[in-house]
PDB file of all heavy atoms in Angstrom:
ATOM      1  N   GLN A   1       0.800  -1.264  -0.002  1.00  0.00           N
ATOM      2  CA  GLN A   1       0.065   0.040  -0.048  1.00  0.00           C
ATOM      3  C   GLN A   1       0.814   1.240   0.057  1.00  0.00           C
ATOM      4  O   GLN A   1       0.479   2.312  -0.648  1.00  0.00           O
ATOM      5  CB  GLN A   1      -0.956   0.128   1.170  1.00  0.00           C
ATOM      6  CG  GLN A   1      -2.097  -0.871   1.116  1.00  0.00           C
ATOM      7  CD  GLN A   1      -2.975  -0.879   2.256  1.00  0.00           C
ATOM      8  OE1 GLN A   1      -2.542  -1.448   3.356  1.00  0.00           O
ATOM      9  NE2 GLN A   1      -4.108  -0.144   2.254  1.00  0.00           N
ATOM     10  N   CYS A   2       1.918   1.293   0.657  1.00  0.00           N
ATOM     11  CA  CYS A   2       2.615   2.491   0.878  1.00  0.00           C
ATOM     12  C   CYS A   2       4.154   2.294   1.321  1.00  0.00           C
ATOM     13  O   CYS A   2       4.475   1.305   1.677  1.00  0.00           O
ATOM     14  CB  CYS A   2       1.931   3.366   1.791  1.00  0.00           C
ATOM     15  SG  CYS A   2       2.133   2.803   3.654  1.00  0.00           S
ATOM     16  N   ARG A   3       4.855   3.361   1.155  1.00  0.00           N
ATOM     17  CA  ARG A   3       6.245   3.424   1.743  1.00  0.00           C
ATOM     18  C   ARG A   3       6.020   3.948   3.264  1.00  0.00           C
ATOM     19  O   ARG A   3       5.200   4.774   3.488  1.00  0.00           O
ATOM     20  CB  ARG A   3       7.126   4.423   0.968  1.00  0.00           C
ATOM     21  CG  ARG A   3       7.426   3.794  -0.339  1.00  0.00           C
ATOM     22  CD  ARG A   3       8.017   4.909  -1.299  1.00  0.00           C
ATOM     23  NE  ARG A   3       7.002   5.836  -1.829  1.00  0.00           N
ATOM     24  CZ  ARG A   3       7.408   6.769  -2.640  1.00  0.00           C
ATOM     25  NH1 ARG A   3       8.541   6.939  -3.123  1.00  0.00           N
ATOM     26  NH2 ARG A   3       6.308   7.536  -3.149  1.00  0.00           N
ATOM     27  N   GLY A   4       6.868   3.437   4.175  1.00  0.00           N
ATOM     28  CA  GLY A   4       6.651   3.729   5.680  1.00  0.00           C
ATOM     29  C   GLY A   4       6.918   5.289   5.904  1.00  0.00           C
ATOM     30  O   GLY A   4       7.733   5.782   5.187  1.00  0.00           O
ATOM     31  N   LEU A   5       6.086   5.715   6.791  1.00  0.00           N
ATOM     32  CA  LEU A   5       6.408   7.116   7.242  1.00  0.00           C
ATOM     33  C   LEU A   5       7.864   7.240   7.705  1.00  0.00           C
ATOM     34  O   LEU A   5       8.360   6.335   8.508  1.00  0.00           O
ATOM     35  CB  LEU A   5       5.387   7.441   8.413  1.00  0.00           C
ATOM     36  CG  LEU A   5       3.984   7.514   8.018  1.00  0.00           C
ATOM     37  CD1 LEU A   5       3.079   7.769   9.229  1.00  0.00           C
ATOM     38  CD2 LEU A   5       3.819   8.675   7.101  1.00  0.00           C
ATOM     39  N   GLY A   6       8.431   8.322   7.376  1.00  0.00           N
ATOM     40  CA  GLY A   6       9.753   8.679   7.795  1.00  0.00           C
ATOM     41  C   GLY A   6      10.803   7.836   7.011  1.00  0.00           C
ATOM     42  O   GLY A   6      11.966   7.941   7.304  1.00  0.00           O
ATOM     43  N   MET A   7      10.345   7.018   6.025  1.00  0.00           N
ATOM     44  CA  MET A   7      11.311   6.134   5.253  1.00  0.00           C
ATOM     45  C   MET A   7      11.327   6.698   3.865  1.00  0.00           C
ATOM     46  O   MET A   7      10.413   6.582   3.073  1.00  0.00           O
ATOM     47  CB  MET A   7      10.872   4.727   5.209  1.00  0.00           C
ATOM     48  CG  MET A   7      10.562   4.136   6.655  1.00  0.00           C
ATOM     49  SD  MET A   7      12.184   4.024   7.643  1.00  0.00           S
ATOM     50  CE  MET A   7      12.923   2.605   6.925  1.00  0.00           C
ATOM     51  N   ALA A   8      12.545   7.327   3.541  1.00  0.00           N
ATOM     52  CA  ALA A   8      12.624   7.986   2.210  1.00  0.00           C
ATOM     53  C   ALA A   8      12.970   6.939   1.213  1.00  0.00           C
ATOM     54  O   ALA A   8      14.087   6.921   0.667  1.00  0.00           O
ATOM     55  CB  ALA A   8      13.717   9.052   2.251  1.00  0.00           C
ATOM     56  N   VAL A   9      12.107   6.122   0.797  1.00  0.00           N
ATOM     57  CA  VAL A   9      12.330   4.987  -0.118  1.00  0.00           C
ATOM     58  C   VAL A   9      11.904   5.404  -1.480  1.00  0.00           C
ATOM     59  O   VAL A   9      10.880   5.932  -1.883  1.00  0.00           O
ATOM     60  CB  VAL A   9      11.339   3.837   0.394  1.00  0.00           C
ATOM     61  CG1 VAL A   9      11.437   2.665  -0.634  1.00  0.00           C
ATOM     62  CG2 VAL A   9      11.933   3.213   1.747  1.00  0.00           C
ATOM     63  N   TYR A  10      12.843   5.074  -2.332  1.00  0.00           N
ATOM     64  CA  TYR A  10      12.596   5.333  -3.765  1.00  0.00           C
ATOM     65  C   TYR A  10      13.117   4.098  -4.669  1.00  0.00           C
ATOM     66  O   TYR A  10      13.896   3.325  -4.138  1.00  0.00           O
ATOM     67  CB  TYR A  10      13.293   6.603  -4.277  1.00  0.00           C
ATOM     68  CG  TYR A  10      12.886   7.858  -3.509  1.00  0.00           C
ATOM     69  CD1 TYR A  10      13.547   8.191  -2.296  1.00  0.00           C
ATOM     70  CD2 TYR A  10      11.748   8.596  -3.930  1.00  0.00           C
ATOM     71  CE1 TYR A  10      13.091   9.265  -1.578  1.00  0.00           C
ATOM     72  CE2 TYR A  10      11.329   9.733  -3.154  1.00  0.00           C
ATOM     73  CZ  TYR A  10      12.013  10.012  -1.989  1.00  0.00           C
ATOM     74  OH  TYR A  10      11.528  11.019  -1.370  1.00  0.00           O
ATOM     75  N   ALA A  11      12.800   4.159  -5.904  1.00  0.00           N
ATOM     76  CA  ALA A  11      13.376   3.232  -6.832  1.00  0.00           C
ATOM     77  C   ALA A  11      14.457   3.960  -7.739  1.00  0.00           C
ATOM     78  O   ALA A  11      14.065   4.953  -8.342  1.00  0.00           O
ATOM     79  CB  ALA A  11      12.326   2.640  -7.868  1.00  0.00           C
ATOM     80  N   TYR A  12      15.658   3.523  -7.621  1.00  0.00           N
ATOM     81  CA  TYR A  12      16.719   4.299  -8.377  1.00  0.00           C
ATOM     82  C   TYR A  12      17.221   3.430  -9.514  1.00  0.00           C
ATOM     83  O   TYR A  12      17.330   2.153  -9.410  1.00  0.00           O
ATOM     84  CB  TYR A  12      17.952   4.370  -7.435  1.00  0.00           C
ATOM     85  CG  TYR A  12      18.075   5.625  -6.679  1.00  0.00           C
ATOM     86  CD1 TYR A  12      17.014   6.481  -6.455  1.00  0.00           C
ATOM     87  CD2 TYR A  12      19.278   6.140  -6.266  1.00  0.00           C
ATOM     88  CE1 TYR A  12      17.097   7.700  -5.740  1.00  0.00           C
ATOM     89  CE2 TYR A  12      19.429   7.300  -5.589  1.00  0.00           C
ATOM     90  CZ  TYR A  12      18.308   8.084  -5.363  1.00  0.00           C
ATOM     91  OH  TYR A  12      18.517   9.307  -4.725  1.00  0.00           O
ATOM     92  N   ASP A  13      17.305   4.041 -10.666  1.00  0.00           N
ATOM     93  CA  ASP A  13      17.768   3.433 -11.859  1.00  0.00           C
ATOM     94  C   ASP A  13      19.327   3.283 -11.792  1.00  0.00           C
ATOM     95  O   ASP A  13      19.909   3.661 -10.771  1.00  0.00           O
ATOM     96  CB  ASP A  13      17.386   4.045 -13.128  1.00  0.00           C
ATOM     97  CG  ASP A  13      17.918   5.513 -13.330  1.00  0.00           C
ATOM     98  OD1 ASP A  13      18.890   5.847 -12.656  1.00  0.00           O
ATOM     99  OD2 ASP A  13      17.351   6.276 -14.140  1.00  0.00           O
ATOM    100  N   ASP A  14      20.018   2.716 -12.849  1.00  0.00           N
ATOM    101  CA  ASP A  14      21.456   2.487 -12.879  1.00  0.00           C
ATOM    102  C   ASP A  14      22.134   3.875 -12.665  1.00  0.00           C
ATOM    103  O   ASP A  14      23.424   3.759 -12.283  1.00  0.00           O
ATOM    104  CB  ASP A  14      21.894   1.681 -13.904  1.00  0.00           C
ATOM    105  CG  ASP A  14      21.306   0.334 -13.981  1.00  0.00           C
ATOM    106  OD1 ASP A  14      20.940  -0.234 -12.856  1.00  0.00           O
ATOM    107  OD2 ASP A  14      21.265  -0.428 -15.079  1.00  0.00           O
ATOM    108  N   ASN A  15      21.568   4.897 -13.055  1.00  0.00           N
ATOM    109  CA  ASN A  15      22.234   6.167 -12.989  1.00  0.00           C
ATOM    110  C   ASN A  15      22.159   6.926 -11.628  1.00  0.00           C
ATOM    111  O   ASN A  15      22.515   7.996 -11.449  1.00  0.00           O
ATOM    112  CB  ASN A  15      21.756   7.066 -14.090  1.00  0.00           C
ATOM    113  CG  ASN A  15      22.095   6.473 -15.496  1.00  0.00           C
ATOM    114  OD1 ASN A  15      23.269   5.950 -15.652  1.00  0.00           O
ATOM    115  ND2 ASN A  15      21.204   6.606 -16.418  1.00  0.00           N
ATOM    116  N   GLY A  16      21.365   6.213 -10.713  1.00  0.00           N
ATOM    117  CA  GLY A  16      20.970   6.863  -9.413  1.00  0.00           C
ATOM    118  C   GLY A  16      20.139   7.884  -9.383  1.00  0.00           C
ATOM    119  O   GLY A  16      20.031   8.767  -8.588  1.00  0.00           O
ATOM    120  N   GLN A  17      19.080   7.697 -10.301  1.00  0.00           N
ATOM    121  CA  GLN A  17      17.952   8.669 -10.382  1.00  0.00           C
ATOM    122  C   GLN A  17      16.648   7.906 -10.060  1.00  0.00           C
ATOM    123  O   GLN A  17      16.516   6.909 -10.387  1.00  0.00           O
ATOM    124  CB  GLN A  17      17.860   9.136 -11.848  1.00  0.00           C
ATOM    125  CG  GLN A  17      19.066   9.992 -12.346  1.00  0.00           C
ATOM    126  CD  GLN A  17      19.272  11.311 -11.381  1.00  0.00           C
ATOM    127  OE1 GLN A  17      18.402  11.949 -11.144  1.00  0.00           O
ATOM    128  NE2 GLN A  17      20.536  11.397 -10.992  1.00  0.00           N
ATOM    129  N   PRO A  18      15.823   8.670  -9.198  1.00  0.00           N
ATOM    130  CA  PRO A  18      14.457   8.103  -8.860  1.00  0.00           C
ATOM    131  C   PRO A  18      13.607   8.001 -10.035  1.00  0.00           C
ATOM    132  O   PRO A  18      13.477   8.913 -10.816  1.00  0.00           O
ATOM    133  CB  PRO A  18      14.005   9.003  -7.834  1.00  0.00           C
ATOM    134  CG  PRO A  18      14.689  10.306  -8.074  1.00  0.00           C
ATOM    135  CD  PRO A  18      16.005  10.020  -8.675  1.00  0.00           C
ATOM    136  N   VAL A  19      13.040   6.738 -10.169  1.00  0.00           N
ATOM    137  CA  VAL A  19      12.099   6.530 -11.254  1.00  0.00           C
ATOM    138  C   VAL A  19      10.720   6.058 -10.728  1.00  0.00           C
ATOM    139  O   VAL A  19      10.627   5.508  -9.680  1.00  0.00           O
ATOM    140  CB  VAL A  19      12.506   5.609 -12.282  1.00  0.00           C
ATOM    141  CG1 VAL A  19      13.853   6.104 -12.981  1.00  0.00           C
ATOM    142  CG2 VAL A  19      12.863   4.264 -11.571  1.00  0.00           C
ATOM    143  N   VAL A  20       9.555   6.348 -11.423  1.00  0.00           N
ATOM    144  CA  VAL A  20       8.303   5.958 -11.027  1.00  0.00           C
ATOM    145  C   VAL A  20       7.755   5.076 -12.262  1.00  0.00           C
ATOM    146  O   VAL A  20       7.984   5.354 -13.350  1.00  0.00           O
ATOM    147  CB  VAL A  20       7.315   7.138 -10.784  1.00  0.00           C
ATOM    148  CG1 VAL A  20       6.019   6.644 -10.543  1.00  0.00           C
ATOM    149  CG2 VAL A  20       7.896   8.026  -9.593  1.00  0.00           C
ATOM    150  N   ASP A  21       7.048   3.983 -11.770  1.00  0.00           N
ATOM    151  CA  ASP A  21       6.515   3.120 -12.732  1.00  0.00           C
ATOM    152  C   ASP A  21       7.579   2.309 -13.510  1.00  0.00           C
ATOM    153  O   ASP A  21       7.234   2.033 -14.634  1.00  0.00           O
ATOM    154  CB  ASP A  21       5.496   3.772 -13.645  1.00  0.00           C
ATOM    155  CG  ASP A  21       4.159   3.034 -13.723  1.00  0.00           C
ATOM    156  OD1 ASP A  21       3.974   2.230 -12.947  1.00  0.00           O
ATOM    157  OD2 ASP A  21       3.400   3.281 -14.784  1.00  0.00           O
ATOM    158  N   GLN A  22       8.699   2.194 -12.974  1.00  0.00           N
ATOM    159  CA  GLN A  22       9.837   1.504 -13.610  1.00  0.00           C
ATOM    160  C   GLN A  22      10.423   0.514 -12.620  1.00  0.00           C
ATOM    161  O   GLN A  22      10.508   0.939 -11.457  1.00  0.00           O
ATOM    162  CB  GLN A  22      10.938   2.347 -14.293  1.00  0.00           C
ATOM    163  CG  GLN A  22      10.440   3.163 -15.361  1.00  0.00           C
ATOM    164  CD  GLN A  22      11.608   4.022 -15.964  1.00  0.00           C
ATOM    165  OE1 GLN A  22      12.744   3.617 -16.038  1.00  0.00           O
ATOM    166  NE2 GLN A  22      11.299   5.345 -16.240  1.00  0.00           N
ATOM    167  N   GLN A  23      10.996  -0.630 -13.173  1.00  0.00           N
ATOM    168  CA  GLN A  23      11.549  -1.623 -12.159  1.00  0.00           C
ATOM    169  C   GLN A  23      12.958  -1.070 -11.864  1.00  0.00           C
ATOM    170  O   GLN A  23      13.615  -0.675 -12.736  1.00  0.00           O
ATOM    171  CB  GLN A  23      11.667  -2.963 -12.682  1.00  0.00           C
ATOM    172  CG  GLN A  23      10.372  -3.564 -12.850  1.00  0.00           C
ATOM    173  CD  GLN A  23      10.393  -5.075 -13.386  1.00  0.00           C
ATOM    174  OE1 GLN A  23      11.384  -5.711 -13.224  1.00  0.00           O
ATOM    175  NE2 GLN A  23       9.497  -5.523 -14.013  1.00  0.00           N
ATOM    176  N   ALA A  24      13.446  -0.969 -10.578  1.00  0.00           N
ATOM    177  CA  ALA A  24      14.731  -0.418 -10.229  1.00  0.00           C
ATOM    178  C   ALA A  24      15.001  -0.787  -8.841  1.00  0.00           C
ATOM    179  O   ALA A  24      14.215  -1.529  -8.133  1.00  0.00           O
ATOM    180  CB  ALA A  24      14.625   1.184 -10.310  1.00  0.00           C
ATOM    181  N   GLU A  25      16.163  -0.374  -8.398  1.00  0.00           N
ATOM    182  CA  GLU A  25      16.670  -0.734  -7.008  1.00  0.00           C
ATOM    183  C   GLU A  25      15.899   0.039  -5.875  1.00  0.00           C
ATOM    184  O   GLU A  25      15.770   1.220  -5.932  1.00  0.00           O
ATOM    185  CB  GLU A  25      18.167  -0.348  -6.982  1.00  0.00           C
ATOM    186  CG  GLU A  25      19.081  -1.233  -7.735  1.00  0.00           C
ATOM    187  CD  GLU A  25      19.379  -2.545  -7.097  1.00  0.00           C
ATOM    188  OE1 GLU A  25      18.988  -2.804  -5.998  1.00  0.00           O
ATOM    189  OE2 GLU A  25      20.016  -3.423  -7.754  1.00  0.00           O
ATOM    190  N   LEU A  26      15.593  -0.754  -4.880  1.00  0.00           N
ATOM    191  CA  LEU A  26      15.029  -0.169  -3.648  1.00  0.00           C
ATOM    192  C   LEU A  26      16.161   0.564  -2.913  1.00  0.00           C
ATOM    193  O   LEU A  26      17.154  -0.049  -2.466  1.00  0.00           O
ATOM    194  CB  LEU A  26      14.327  -1.099  -2.769  1.00  0.00           C
ATOM    195  CG  LEU A  26      13.537  -0.654  -1.568  1.00  0.00           C
ATOM    196  CD1 LEU A  26      12.533  -1.647  -1.043  1.00  0.00           C
ATOM    197  CD2 LEU A  26      14.440  -0.181  -0.424  1.00  0.00           C
TER     198      LEU A  26
END
């Protein structure tokens, strides 16, 4: 449902950029 409160969780591509709706590193 969600990322935890206080947890700055993103999906990073190989270049270290946050992406949405793409598979990437937690």
